[in-house]
Amino acid sequence: MTNFVWRWLCNAIALLLVAYLLPSIYLDGTGAALVAALLLGIVNAVIRPVCLFFSFPINFLTLGLFTFVVNAGMLKIVDLLMTGFATGGFWATVLAAILLSIISSILTSVLGGMRRGMF
């Protein structure tokens, strides 16, 4: 359970950083970031595997780069589900998905290592 909470907080921080870096991404505050991170986790757990399954041929042809488009779609779904979080156009959302993946991976590995006492 603590691993879930830890990843949720890392994703919320990553969302806040992406909203700070990109003017086309809007977050209403820390509470909105926590709710958006929770919704993004649920959407990624339920809808993303289905999208990746059906987009496998194009994902194969693009050597996996289409995954960023699928991730952008997941961000757009969260945008539609809640107020206090908004994404811009298509390319801005794709860029936000790329940055969110990078920042979230870095935060999870660095802060996760600190949590386990590796640093």
PDB file of N, CA and C in Angstrom:
ATOM      1  N   MET A   1       0.819  -1.196   0.000  1.00  0.00           N
ATOM      2  CA  MET A   1       0.000   0.000   0.000  1.00  0.00           C
ATOM      3  C   MET A   1       0.861   1.257   0.000  1.00  0.00           C
ATOM      4  N   THR A   2       1.963   1.228   0.734  1.00  0.00           N
ATOM      5  CA  THR A   2       2.803   2.420   0.786  1.00  0.00           C
ATOM      6  C   THR A   2       3.461   2.695  -0.568  1.00  0.00           C
ATOM      7  N   ASN A   3       3.727   1.635  -1.356  1.00  0.00           N
ATOM      8  CA  ASN A   3       4.297   1.828  -2.688  1.00  0.00           C
ATOM      9  C   ASN A   3       3.318   2.592  -3.574  1.00  0.00           C
ATOM     10  N   PHE A   4       2.028   2.282  -3.468  1.00  0.00           N
ATOM     11  CA  PHE A   4       1.007   2.995  -4.240  1.00  0.00           C
ATOM     12  C   PHE A   4       0.963   4.472  -3.854  1.00  0.00           C
ATOM     13  N   VAL A   5       0.983   4.745  -2.567  1.00  0.00           N
ATOM     14  CA  VAL A   5       0.935   6.131  -2.091  1.00  0.00           C
ATOM     15  C   VAL A   5       2.189   6.875  -2.535  1.00  0.00           C
ATOM     16  N   TRP A   6       3.329   6.212  -2.471  1.00  0.00           N
ATOM     17  CA  TRP A   6       4.586   6.829  -2.866  1.00  0.00           C
ATOM     18  C   TRP A   6       4.566   7.200  -4.350  1.00  0.00           C
ATOM     19  N   ARG A   7       4.117   6.293  -5.201  1.00  0.00           N
ATOM     20  CA  ARG A   7       4.039   6.566  -6.638  1.00  0.00           C
ATOM     21  C   ARG A   7       3.006   7.653  -6.924  1.00  0.00           C
ATOM     22  N   TRP A   8       1.916   7.644  -6.192  1.00  0.00           N
ATOM     23  CA  TRP A   8       0.868   8.655  -6.371  1.00  0.00           C
ATOM     24  C   TRP A   8       1.420  10.048  -6.070  1.00  0.00           C
ATOM     25  N   LEU A   9       2.163  10.172  -4.977  1.00  0.00           N
ATOM     26  CA  LEU A   9       2.756  11.460  -4.628  1.00  0.00           C
ATOM     27  C   LEU A   9       3.809  11.888  -5.650  1.00  0.00           C
ATOM     28  N   CYS A  10       4.608  10.944  -6.125  1.00  0.00           N
ATOM     29  CA  CYS A  10       5.609  11.269  -7.154  1.00  0.00           C
ATOM     30  C   CYS A  10       4.934  11.741  -8.438  1.00  0.00           C
ATOM     31  N   ASN A  11       3.846  11.100  -8.819  1.00  0.00           N
ATOM     32  CA  ASN A  11       3.117  11.518 -10.015  1.00  0.00           C
ATOM     33  C   ASN A  11       2.461  12.879  -9.831  1.00  0.00           C
ATOM     34  N   ALA A  12       1.974  13.164  -8.633  1.00  0.00           N
ATOM     35  CA  ALA A  12       1.388  14.477  -8.370  1.00  0.00           C
ATOM     36  C   ALA A  12       2.455  15.571  -8.450  1.00  0.00           C
ATOM     37  N   ILE A  13       3.629  15.303  -7.906  1.00  0.00           N
ATOM     38  CA  ILE A  13       4.726  16.265  -8.004  1.00  0.00           C
ATOM     39  C   ILE A  13       5.139  16.449  -9.459  1.00  0.00           C
ATOM     40  N   ALA A  14       5.195  15.352 -10.206  1.00  0.00           N
ATOM     41  CA  ALA A  14       5.548  15.434 -11.626  1.00  0.00           C
ATOM     42  C   ALA A  14       4.514  16.255 -12.394  1.00  0.00           C
ATOM     43  N   LEU A  15       3.244  16.075 -12.074  1.00  0.00           N
ATOM     44  CA  LEU A  15       2.196  16.877 -12.719  1.00  0.00           C
ATOM     45  C   LEU A  15       2.358  18.358 -12.403  1.00  0.00           C
ATOM     46  N   LEU A  16       2.682  18.666 -11.154  1.00  0.00           N
ATOM     47  CA  LEU A  16       2.914  20.063 -10.780  1.00  0.00           C
ATOM     48  C   LEU A  16       4.095  20.656 -11.549  1.00  0.00           C
ATOM     49  N   LEU A  17       5.166  19.884 -11.697  1.00  0.00           N
ATOM     50  CA  LEU A  17       6.330  20.364 -12.440  1.00  0.00           C
ATOM     51  C   LEU A  17       6.018  20.567 -13.920  1.00  0.00           C
ATOM     52  N   VAL A  18       5.255  19.647 -14.505  1.00  0.00           N
ATOM     53  CA  VAL A  18       4.880  19.782 -15.920  1.00  0.00           C
ATOM     54  C   VAL A  18       3.995  21.008 -16.108  1.00  0.00           C
ATOM     55  N   ALA A  19       3.075  21.227 -15.190  1.00  0.00           N
ATOM     56  CA  ALA A  19       2.214  22.413 -15.284  1.00  0.00           C
ATOM     57  C   ALA A  19       3.029  23.693 -15.118  1.00  0.00           C
ATOM     58  N   TYR A  20       4.078  23.640 -14.320  1.00  0.00           N
ATOM     59  CA  TYR A  20       4.943  24.805 -14.147  1.00  0.00           C
ATOM     60  C   TYR A  20       5.772  25.058 -15.406  1.00  0.00           C
ATOM     61  N   LEU A  21       6.248  23.986 -16.042  1.00  0.00           N
ATOM     62  CA  LEU A  21       7.117  24.124 -17.207  1.00  0.00           C
ATOM     63  C   LEU A  21       6.363  24.474 -18.488  1.00  0.00           C
ATOM     64  N   LEU A  22       5.153  23.972 -18.636  1.00  0.00           N
ATOM     65  CA  LEU A  22       4.386  24.189 -19.860  1.00  0.00           C
ATOM     66  C   LEU A  22       3.197  25.110 -19.594  1.00  0.00           C
ATOM     67  N   PRO A  23       3.128  26.231 -20.271  1.00  0.00           N
ATOM     68  CA  PRO A  23       1.999  27.142 -20.043  1.00  0.00           C
ATOM     69  C   PRO A  23       0.669  26.594 -20.566  1.00  0.00           C
ATOM     70  N   SER A  24       0.699  25.576 -21.413  1.00  0.00           N
ATOM     71  CA  SER A  24      -0.548  25.025 -21.962  1.00  0.00           C
ATOM     72  C   SER A  24      -1.197  24.004 -21.029  1.00  0.00           C
ATOM     73  N   ILE A  25      -0.530  23.651 -19.944  1.00  0.00           N
ATOM     74  CA  ILE A  25      -1.090  22.719 -18.961  1.00  0.00           C
ATOM     75  C   ILE A  25      -1.471  23.535 -17.726  1.00  0.00           C
ATOM     76  N   TYR A  26      -2.720  23.391 -17.295  1.00  0.00           N
ATOM     77  CA  TYR A  26      -3.226  24.168 -16.165  1.00  0.00           C
ATOM     78  C   TYR A  26      -3.610  23.236 -15.026  1.00  0.00           C
ATOM     79  N   LEU A  27      -3.107  23.546 -13.841  1.00  0.00           N
ATOM     80  CA  LEU A  27      -3.503  22.862 -12.609  1.00  0.00           C
ATOM     81  C   LEU A  27      -3.962  23.911 -11.617  1.00  0.00           C
ATOM     82  N   ASP A  28      -5.050  23.622 -10.935  1.00  0.00           N
ATOM     83  CA  ASP A  28      -5.641  24.570 -10.001  1.00  0.00           C
ATOM     84  C   ASP A  28      -4.888  24.649  -8.679  1.00  0.00           C
ATOM     85  N   GLY A  29      -3.997  23.727  -8.408  1.00  0.00           N
ATOM     86  CA  GLY A  29      -3.243  23.729  -7.165  1.00  0.00           C
ATOM     87  C   GLY A  29      -2.813  22.327  -6.796  1.00  0.00           C
ATOM     88  N   THR A  30      -2.333  22.200  -5.566  1.00  0.00           N
ATOM     89  CA  THR A  30      -1.836  20.906  -5.105  1.00  0.00           C
ATOM     90  C   THR A  30      -2.950  19.874  -4.993  1.00  0.00           C
ATOM     91  N   GLY A  31      -4.111  20.292  -4.527  1.00  0.00           N
ATOM     92  CA  GLY A  31      -5.242  19.362  -4.426  1.00  0.00           C
ATOM     93  C   GLY A  31      -5.663  18.838  -5.784  1.00  0.00           C
ATOM     94  N   ALA A  32      -5.695  19.724  -6.765  1.00  0.00           N
ATOM     95  CA  ALA A  32      -6.036  19.297  -8.128  1.00  0.00           C
ATOM     96  C   ALA A  32      -4.973  18.356  -8.670  1.00  0.00           C
ATOM     97  N   ALA A  33      -3.711  18.585  -8.323  1.00  0.00           N
ATOM     98  CA  ALA A  33      -2.640  17.694  -8.774  1.00  0.00           C
ATOM     99  C   ALA A  33      -2.791  16.309  -8.159  1.00  0.00           C
ATOM    100  N   LEU A  34      -3.165  16.256  -6.879  1.00  0.00           N
ATOM    101  CA  LEU A  34      -3.374  14.955  -6.225  1.00  0.00           C
ATOM    102  C   LEU A  34      -4.544  14.202  -6.845  1.00  0.00           C
ATOM    103  N   VAL A  35      -5.648  14.903  -7.110  1.00  0.00           N
ATOM    104  CA  VAL A  35      -6.813  14.259  -7.731  1.00  0.00           C
ATOM    105  C   VAL A  35      -6.485  13.833  -9.160  1.00  0.00           C
ATOM    106  N   ALA A  36      -5.790  14.698  -9.906  1.00  0.00           N
ATOM    107  CA  ALA A  36      -5.435  14.366 -11.290  1.00  0.00           C
ATOM    108  C   ALA A  36      -4.485  13.171 -11.333  1.00  0.00           C
ATOM    109  N   ALA A  37      -3.538  13.102 -10.399  1.00  0.00           N
ATOM    110  CA  ALA A  37      -2.620  11.964 -10.357  1.00  0.00           C
ATOM    111  C   ALA A  37      -3.365  10.677 -10.022  1.00  0.00           C
ATOM    112  N   LEU A  38      -4.325  10.760  -9.119  1.00  0.00           N
ATOM    113  CA  LEU A  38      -5.129   9.581  -8.783  1.00  0.00           C
ATOM    114  C   LEU A  38      -5.969   9.133  -9.973  1.00  0.00           C
ATOM    115  N   LEU A  39      -6.625  10.088 -10.630  1.00  0.00           N
ATOM    116  CA  LEU A  39      -7.419   9.744 -11.811  1.00  0.00           C
ATOM    117  C   LEU A  39      -6.542   9.207 -12.939  1.00  0.00           C
ATOM    118  N   LEU A  40      -5.368   9.784 -13.111  1.00  0.00           N
ATOM    119  CA  LEU A  40      -4.457   9.314 -14.150  1.00  0.00           C
ATOM    120  C   LEU A  40      -4.004   7.882 -13.861  1.00  0.00           C
ATOM    121  N   GLY A  41      -3.781   7.575 -12.600  1.00  0.00           N
ATOM    122  CA  GLY A  41      -3.437   6.200 -12.225  1.00  0.00           C
ATOM    123  C   GLY A  41      -4.560   5.227 -12.528  1.00  0.00           C
ATOM    124  N   ILE A  42      -5.789   5.622 -12.246  1.00  0.00           N
ATOM    125  CA  ILE A  42      -6.941   4.755 -12.527  1.00  0.00           C
ATOM    126  C   ILE A  42      -7.126   4.589 -14.029  1.00  0.00           C
ATOM    127  N   VAL A  43      -7.037   5.689 -14.772  1.00  0.00           N
ATOM    128  CA  VAL A  43      -7.185   5.632 -16.230  1.00  0.00           C
ATOM    129  C   VAL A  43      -6.075   4.782 -16.846  1.00  0.00           C
ATOM    130  N   ASN A  44      -4.850   4.951 -16.347  1.00  0.00           N
ATOM    131  CA  ASN A  44      -3.736   4.155 -16.865  1.00  0.00           C
ATOM    132  C   ASN A  44      -3.887   2.675 -16.539  1.00  0.00           C
ATOM    133  N   ALA A  45      -4.522   2.358 -15.440  1.00  0.00           N
ATOM    134  CA  ALA A  45      -4.711   0.957 -15.064  1.00  0.00           C
ATOM    135  C   ALA A  45      -5.853   0.302 -15.822  1.00  0.00           C
ATOM    136  N   VAL A  46      -6.873   1.074 -16.192  1.00  0.00           N
ATOM    137  CA  VAL A  46      -8.070   0.486 -16.798  1.00  0.00           C
ATOM    138  C   VAL A  46      -8.102   0.652 -18.312  1.00  0.00           C
ATOM    139  N   ILE A  47      -7.900   1.860 -18.795  1.00  0.00           N
ATOM    140  CA  ILE A  47      -8.109   2.153 -20.220  1.00  0.00           C
ATOM    141  C   ILE A  47      -6.836   1.990 -21.043  1.00  0.00           C
ATOM    142  N   ARG A  48      -5.693   2.361 -20.495  1.00  0.00           N
ATOM    143  CA  ARG A  48      -4.437   2.345 -21.260  1.00  0.00           C
ATOM    144  C   ARG A  48      -4.074   0.967 -21.816  1.00  0.00           C
ATOM    145  N   PRO A  49      -4.212  -0.129 -21.051  1.00  0.00           N
ATOM    146  CA  PRO A  49      -3.874  -1.437 -21.634  1.00  0.00           C
ATOM    147  C   PRO A  49      -4.721  -1.788 -22.856  1.00  0.00           C
ATOM    148  N   VAL A  50      -5.990  -1.415 -22.837  1.00  0.00           N
ATOM    149  CA  VAL A  50      -6.861  -1.680 -23.982  1.00  0.00           C
ATOM    150  C   VAL A  50      -6.406  -0.870 -25.197  1.00  0.00           C
ATOM    151  N   CYS A  51      -6.079   0.404 -24.957  1.00  0.00           N
ATOM    152  CA  CYS A  51      -5.597   1.262 -26.049  1.00  0.00           C
ATOM    153  C   CYS A  51      -4.285   0.748 -26.612  1.00  0.00           C
ATOM    154  N   LEU A  52      -3.377   0.311 -25.748  1.00  0.00           N
ATOM    155  CA  LEU A  52      -2.104  -0.216 -26.224  1.00  0.00           C
ATOM    156  C   LEU A  52      -2.283  -1.514 -27.000  1.00  0.00           C
ATOM    157  N   PHE A  53      -3.235  -2.333 -26.580  1.00  0.00           N
ATOM    158  CA  PHE A  53      -3.497  -3.586 -27.295  1.00  0.00           C
ATOM    159  C   PHE A  53      -3.985  -3.315 -28.720  1.00  0.00           C
ATOM    160  N   PHE A  54      -4.941  -2.401 -28.848  1.00  0.00           N
ATOM    161  CA  PHE A  54      -5.493  -2.135 -30.170  1.00  0.00           C
ATOM    162  C   PHE A  54      -4.576  -1.281 -31.044  1.00  0.00           C
ATOM    163  N   SER A  55      -3.653  -0.558 -30.426  1.00  0.00           N
ATOM    164  CA  SER A  55      -2.724   0.250 -31.212  1.00  0.00           C
ATOM    165  C   SER A  55      -1.393  -0.461 -31.430  1.00  0.00           C
ATOM    166  N   PHE A  56      -1.328  -1.745 -31.140  1.00  0.00           N
ATOM    167  CA  PHE A  56      -0.066  -2.463 -31.285  1.00  0.00           C
ATOM    168  C   PHE A  56       0.519  -2.393 -32.694  1.00  0.00           C
ATOM    169  N   PRO A  57      -0.259  -2.555 -33.760  1.00  0.00           N
ATOM    170  CA  PRO A  57       0.360  -2.484 -35.099  1.00  0.00           C
ATOM    171  C   PRO A  57       1.043  -1.145 -35.373  1.00  0.00           C
ATOM    172  N   ILE A  58       0.389  -0.044 -35.064  1.00  0.00           N
ATOM    173  CA  ILE A  58       1.018   1.258 -35.308  1.00  0.00           C
ATOM    174  C   ILE A  58       2.149   1.512 -34.324  1.00  0.00           C
ATOM    175  N   ASN A  59       2.023   0.983 -33.123  1.00  0.00           N
ATOM    176  CA  ASN A  59       3.091   1.098 -32.144  1.00  0.00           C
ATOM    177  C   ASN A  59       4.315   0.321 -32.607  1.00  0.00           C
ATOM    178  N   PHE A  60       4.095  -0.819 -33.196  1.00  0.00           N
ATOM    179  CA  PHE A  60       5.187  -1.629 -33.743  1.00  0.00           C
ATOM    180  C   PHE A  60       5.868  -0.900 -34.899  1.00  0.00           C
ATOM    181  N   LEU A  61       5.079  -0.303 -35.788  1.00  0.00           N
ATOM    182  CA  LEU A  61       5.635   0.406 -36.934  1.00  0.00           C
ATOM    183  C   LEU A  61       6.410   1.656 -36.536  1.00  0.00           C
ATOM    184  N   THR A  62       6.008   2.310 -35.464  1.00  0.00           N
ATOM    185  CA  THR A  62       6.692   3.530 -35.017  1.00  0.00           C
ATOM    186  C   THR A  62       7.735   3.248 -33.950  1.00  0.00           C
ATOM    187  N   LEU A  63       8.054   1.982 -33.741  1.00  0.00           N
ATOM    188  CA  LEU A  63       9.058   1.560 -32.757  1.00  0.00           C
ATOM    189  C   LEU A  63       8.737   2.048 -31.346  1.00  0.00           C
ATOM    190  N   GLY A  64       7.471   2.059 -31.012  1.00  0.00           N
ATOM    191  CA  GLY A  64       7.029   2.409 -29.667  1.00  0.00           C
ATOM    192  C   GLY A  64       6.742   3.872 -29.434  1.00  0.00           C
ATOM    193  N   LEU A  65       6.999   4.718 -30.417  1.00  0.00           N
ATOM    194  CA  LEU A  65       6.775   6.150 -30.217  1.00  0.00           C
ATOM    195  C   LEU A  65       5.293   6.504 -30.121  1.00  0.00           C
ATOM    196  N   PHE A  66       4.428   5.662 -30.681  1.00  0.00           N
ATOM    197  CA  PHE A  66       2.995   5.926 -30.594  1.00  0.00           C
ATOM    198  C   PHE A  66       2.493   5.829 -29.155  1.00  0.00           C
ATOM    199  N   THR A  67       3.278   5.228 -28.285  1.00  0.00           N
ATOM    200  CA  THR A  67       2.902   5.143 -26.872  1.00  0.00           C
ATOM    201  C   THR A  67       2.741   6.534 -26.265  1.00  0.00           C
ATOM    202  N   PHE A  68       3.552   7.491 -26.736  1.00  0.00           N
ATOM    203  CA  PHE A  68       3.411   8.859 -26.241  1.00  0.00           C
ATOM    204  C   PHE A  68       2.058   9.453 -26.631  1.00  0.00           C
ATOM    205  N   VAL A  69       1.545   9.085 -27.795  1.00  0.00           N
ATOM    206  CA  VAL A  69       0.225   9.554 -28.219  1.00  0.00           C
ATOM    207  C   VAL A  69      -0.851   8.924 -27.340  1.00  0.00           C
ATOM    208  N   VAL A  70      -0.681   7.644 -27.016  1.00  0.00           N
ATOM    209  CA  VAL A  70      -1.628   6.976 -26.115  1.00  0.00           C
ATOM    210  C   VAL A  70      -1.585   7.634 -24.738  1.00  0.00           C
ATOM    211  N   ASN A  71      -0.379   7.939 -24.244  1.00  0.00           N
ATOM    212  CA  ASN A  71      -0.255   8.624 -22.950  1.00  0.00           C
ATOM    213  C   ASN A  71      -0.903  10.002 -22.987  1.00  0.00           C
ATOM    214  N   ALA A  72      -0.762  10.698 -24.114  1.00  0.00           N
ATOM    215  CA  ALA A  72      -1.424  11.999 -24.259  1.00  0.00           C
ATOM    216  C   ALA A  72      -2.940  11.831 -24.221  1.00  0.00           C
ATOM    217  N   GLY A  73      -3.433  10.768 -24.822  1.00  0.00           N
ATOM    218  CA  GLY A  73      -4.869  10.489 -24.762  1.00  0.00           C
ATOM    219  C   GLY A  73      -5.349  10.252 -23.339  1.00  0.00           C
ATOM    220  N   MET A  74      -4.528   9.595 -22.533  1.00  0.00           N
ATOM    221  CA  MET A  74      -4.888   9.359 -21.139  1.00  0.00           C
ATOM    222  C   MET A  74      -4.935  10.679 -20.369  1.00  0.00           C
ATOM    223  N   LEU A  75      -3.990  11.580 -20.666  1.00  0.00           N
ATOM    224  CA  LEU A  75      -4.034  12.910 -20.045  1.00  0.00           C
ATOM    225  C   LEU A  75      -5.289  13.664 -20.456  1.00  0.00           C
ATOM    226  N   LYS A  76      -5.663  13.545 -21.718  1.00  0.00           N
ATOM    227  CA  LYS A  76      -6.862  14.237 -22.208  1.00  0.00           C
ATOM    228  C   LYS A  76      -8.121  13.671 -21.545  1.00  0.00           C
ATOM    229  N   ILE A  77      -8.155  12.378 -21.301  1.00  0.00           N
ATOM    230  CA  ILE A  77      -9.304  11.776 -20.608  1.00  0.00           C
ATOM    231  C   ILE A  77      -9.409  12.343 -19.191  1.00  0.00           C
ATOM    232  N   VAL A  78      -8.269  12.461 -18.501  1.00  0.00           N
ATOM    233  CA  VAL A  78      -8.284  13.047 -17.155  1.00  0.00           C
ATOM    234  C   VAL A  78      -8.742  14.498 -17.223  1.00  0.00           C
ATOM    235  N   ASP A  79      -8.318  15.211 -18.261  1.00  0.00           N
ATOM    236  CA  ASP A  79      -8.758  16.597 -18.473  1.00  0.00           C
ATOM    237  C   ASP A  79     -10.274  16.659 -18.601  1.00  0.00           C
ATOM    238  N   LEU A  80     -10.857  15.715 -19.314  1.00  0.00           N
ATOM    239  CA  LEU A  80     -12.308  15.708 -19.502  1.00  0.00           C
ATOM    240  C   LEU A  80     -13.062  15.294 -18.243  1.00  0.00           C
ATOM    241  N   LEU A  81     -12.423  14.500 -17.388  1.00  0.00           N
ATOM    242  CA  LEU A  81     -13.099  13.978 -16.202  1.00  0.00           C
ATOM    243  C   LEU A  81     -13.133  14.947 -15.029  1.00  0.00           C
ATOM    244  N   MET A  82     -12.208  15.902 -14.988  1.00  0.00           N
ATOM    245  CA  MET A  82     -12.147  16.753 -13.797  1.00  0.00           C
ATOM    246  C   MET A  82     -11.983  18.218 -14.154  1.00  0.00           C
ATOM    247  N   THR A  83     -12.435  19.051 -13.236  1.00  0.00           N
ATOM    248  CA  THR A  83     -12.174  20.480 -13.355  1.00  0.00           C
ATOM    249  C   THR A  83     -10.922  20.782 -12.531  1.00  0.00           C
ATOM    250  N   GLY A  84     -10.254  21.845 -12.861  1.00  0.00           N
ATOM    251  CA  GLY A  84      -9.032  22.190 -12.156  1.00  0.00           C
ATOM    252  C   GLY A  84      -7.793  21.653 -12.833  1.00  0.00           C
ATOM    253  N   PHE A  85      -7.969  20.908 -13.913  1.00  0.00           N
ATOM    254  CA  PHE A  85      -6.852  20.403 -14.705  1.00  0.00           C
ATOM    255  C   PHE A  85      -7.237  20.539 -16.162  1.00  0.00           C
ATOM    256  N   ALA A  86      -6.389  21.182 -16.944  1.00  0.00           N
ATOM    257  CA  ALA A  86      -6.685  21.376 -18.360  1.00  0.00           C
ATOM    258  C   ALA A  86      -5.416  21.217 -19.172  1.00  0.00           C
ATOM    259  N   THR A  87      -5.576  20.620 -20.327  1.00  0.00           N
ATOM    260  CA  THR A  87      -4.461  20.475 -21.252  1.00  0.00           C
ATOM    261  C   THR A  87      -4.741  21.321 -22.478  1.00  0.00           C
ATOM    262  N   GLY A  88      -3.686  21.639 -23.208  1.00  0.00           N
ATOM    263  CA  GLY A  88      -3.820  22.455 -24.405  1.00  0.00           C
ATOM    264  C   GLY A  88      -4.181  21.609 -25.610  1.00  0.00           C
ATOM    265  N   GLY A  89      -3.581  21.943 -26.727  1.00  0.00           N
ATOM    266  CA  GLY A  89      -3.823  21.227 -27.962  1.00  0.00           C
ATOM    267  C   GLY A  89      -3.134  19.871 -27.978  1.00  0.00           C
ATOM    268  N   PHE A  90      -3.197  19.231 -29.144  1.00  0.00           N
ATOM    269  CA  PHE A  90      -2.682  17.876 -29.284  1.00  0.00           C
ATOM    270  C   PHE A  90      -1.180  17.811 -29.002  1.00  0.00           C
ATOM    271  N   TRP A  91      -0.394  18.640 -29.672  1.00  0.00           N
ATOM    272  CA  TRP A  91       1.056  18.564 -29.512  1.00  0.00           C
ATOM    273  C   TRP A  91       1.501  18.996 -28.122  1.00  0.00           C
ATOM    274  N   ALA A  92       0.802  19.937 -27.538  1.00  0.00           N
ATOM    275  CA  ALA A  92       1.131  20.344 -26.171  1.00  0.00           C
ATOM    276  C   ALA A  92       0.862  19.196 -25.194  1.00  0.00           C
ATOM    277  N   THR A  93      -0.190  18.453 -25.440  1.00  0.00           N
ATOM    278  CA  THR A  93      -0.511  17.315 -24.578  1.00  0.00           C
ATOM    279  C   THR A  93       0.485  16.177 -24.780  1.00  0.00           C
ATOM    280  N   VAL A  94       0.932  15.963 -26.011  1.00  0.00           N
ATOM    281  CA  VAL A  94       1.962  14.946 -26.265  1.00  0.00           C
ATOM    282  C   VAL A  94       3.261  15.333 -25.561  1.00  0.00           C
ATOM    283  N   LEU A  95       3.643  16.604 -25.666  1.00  0.00           N
ATOM    284  CA  LEU A  95       4.852  17.067 -24.971  1.00  0.00           C
ATOM    285  C   LEU A  95       4.695  16.926 -23.461  1.00  0.00           C
ATOM    286  N   ALA A  96       3.520  17.220 -22.947  1.00  0.00           N
ATOM    287  CA  ALA A  96       3.266  17.059 -21.508  1.00  0.00           C
ATOM    288  C   ALA A  96       3.374  15.590 -21.106  1.00  0.00           C
ATOM    289  N   ALA A  97       2.886  14.684 -21.951  1.00  0.00           N
ATOM    290  CA  ALA A  97       2.973  13.252 -21.651  1.00  0.00           C
ATOM    291  C   ALA A  97       4.423  12.788 -21.628  1.00  0.00           C
ATOM    292  N   ILE A  98       5.233  13.299 -22.560  1.00  0.00           N
ATOM    293  CA  ILE A  98       6.653  12.934 -22.584  1.00  0.00           C
ATOM    294  C   ILE A  98       7.353  13.451 -21.328  1.00  0.00           C
ATOM    295  N   LEU A  99       7.128  14.725 -21.009  1.00  0.00           N
ATOM    296  CA  LEU A  99       7.748  15.297 -19.808  1.00  0.00           C
ATOM    297  C   LEU A  99       7.271  14.605 -18.536  1.00  0.00           C
ATOM    298  N   LEU A 100       5.989  14.283 -18.482  1.00  0.00           N
ATOM    299  CA  LEU A 100       5.443  13.605 -17.308  1.00  0.00           C
ATOM    300  C   LEU A 100       6.094  12.237 -17.129  1.00  0.00           C
ATOM    301  N   SER A 101       6.300  11.518 -18.211  1.00  0.00           N
ATOM    302  CA  SER A 101       6.964  10.212 -18.124  1.00  0.00           C
ATOM    303  C   SER A 101       8.386  10.345 -17.612  1.00  0.00           C
ATOM    304  N   ILE A 102       9.118  11.315 -18.148  1.00  0.00           N
ATOM    305  CA  ILE A 102      10.515  11.496 -17.753  1.00  0.00           C
ATOM    306  C   ILE A 102      10.618  11.935 -16.295  1.00  0.00           C
ATOM    307  N   ILE A 103       9.870  12.962 -15.927  1.00  0.00           N
ATOM    308  CA  ILE A 103       9.949  13.506 -14.567  1.00  0.00           C
ATOM    309  C   ILE A 103       9.469  12.482 -13.545  1.00  0.00           C
ATOM    310  N   SER A 104       8.396  11.781 -13.857  1.00  0.00           N
ATOM    311  CA  SER A 104       7.870  10.780 -12.939  1.00  0.00           C
ATOM    312  C   SER A 104       8.863   9.639 -12.741  1.00  0.00           C
ATOM    313  N   SER A 105       9.520   9.222 -13.806  1.00  0.00           N
ATOM    314  CA  SER A 105      10.527   8.153 -13.684  1.00  0.00           C
ATOM    315  C   SER A 105      11.695   8.592 -12.819  1.00  0.00           C
ATOM    316  N   ILE A 106      12.158   9.809 -13.034  1.00  0.00           N
ATOM    317  CA  ILE A 106      13.284  10.321 -12.244  1.00  0.00           C
ATOM    318  C   ILE A 106      12.897  10.439 -10.777  1.00  0.00           C
ATOM    319  N   LEU A 107      11.726  11.024 -10.511  1.00  0.00           N
ATOM    320  CA  LEU A 107      11.289  11.187  -9.116  1.00  0.00           C
ATOM    321  C   LEU A 107      11.093   9.844  -8.425  1.00  0.00           C
ATOM    322  N   THR A 108      10.491   8.898  -9.114  1.00  0.00           N
ATOM    323  CA  THR A 108      10.241   7.596  -8.512  1.00  0.00           C
ATOM    324  C   THR A 108      11.545   6.888  -8.182  1.00  0.00           C
ATOM    325  N   SER A 109      12.521   6.960  -9.095  1.00  0.00           N
ATOM    326  CA  SER A 109      13.783   6.267  -8.831  1.00  0.00           C
ATOM    327  C   SER A 109      14.611   6.974  -7.758  1.00  0.00           C
ATOM    328  N   VAL A 110      14.721   8.297  -7.830  1.00  0.00           N
ATOM    329  CA  VAL A 110      15.544   9.023  -6.853  1.00  0.00           C
ATOM    330  C   VAL A 110      14.891   9.021  -5.477  1.00  0.00           C
ATOM    331  N   LEU A 111      13.634   9.422  -5.410  1.00  0.00           N
ATOM    332  CA  LEU A 111      12.961   9.486  -4.103  1.00  0.00           C
ATOM    333  C   LEU A 111      12.698   8.087  -3.556  1.00  0.00           C
ATOM    334  N   GLY A 112      12.455   7.128  -4.429  1.00  0.00           N
ATOM    335  CA  GLY A 112      12.273   5.747  -3.974  1.00  0.00           C
ATOM    336  C   GLY A 112      13.556   5.190  -3.376  1.00  0.00           C
ATOM    337  N   GLY A 113      14.692   5.566  -3.985  1.00  0.00           N
ATOM    338  CA  GLY A 113      15.980   5.144  -3.426  1.00  0.00           C
ATOM    339  C   GLY A 113      16.249   5.777  -2.076  1.00  0.00           C
ATOM    340  N   MET A 114      15.856   7.042  -1.919  1.00  0.00           N
ATOM    341  CA  MET A 114      16.021   7.707  -0.628  1.00  0.00           C
ATOM    342  C   MET A 114      15.122   7.064   0.416  1.00  0.00           C
ATOM    343  N   ARG A 115      13.942   6.665  -0.006  1.00  0.00           N
ATOM    344  CA  ARG A 115      12.992   6.059   0.941  1.00  0.00           C
ATOM    345  C   ARG A 115      13.511   4.722   1.448  1.00  0.00           C
ATOM    346  N   ARG A 116      14.192   3.984   0.572  1.00  0.00           N
ATOM    347  CA  ARG A 116      14.718   2.681   0.965  1.00  0.00           C
ATOM    348  C   ARG A 116      16.080   2.788   1.645  1.00  0.00           C
ATOM    349  N   GLY A 117      16.614   3.985   1.773  1.00  0.00           N
ATOM    350  CA  GLY A 117      17.877   4.173   2.456  1.00  0.00           C
ATOM    351  C   GLY A 117      19.096   3.944   1.594  1.00  0.00           C
ATOM    352  N   MET A 118      18.959   4.106   0.284  1.00  0.00           N
ATOM    353  CA  MET A 118      20.089   3.879  -0.604  1.00  0.00           C
ATOM    354  C   MET A 118      20.989   5.102  -0.694  1.00  0.00           C
ATOM    355  N   PHE A 119      20.498   6.289  -0.359  1.00  0.00           N
ATOM    356  CA  PHE A 119      21.303   7.496  -0.451  1.00  0.00           C
ATOM    357  C   PHE A 119      21.605   8.048   0.917  1.00  0.00           C
TER     358      PHE A 119
END
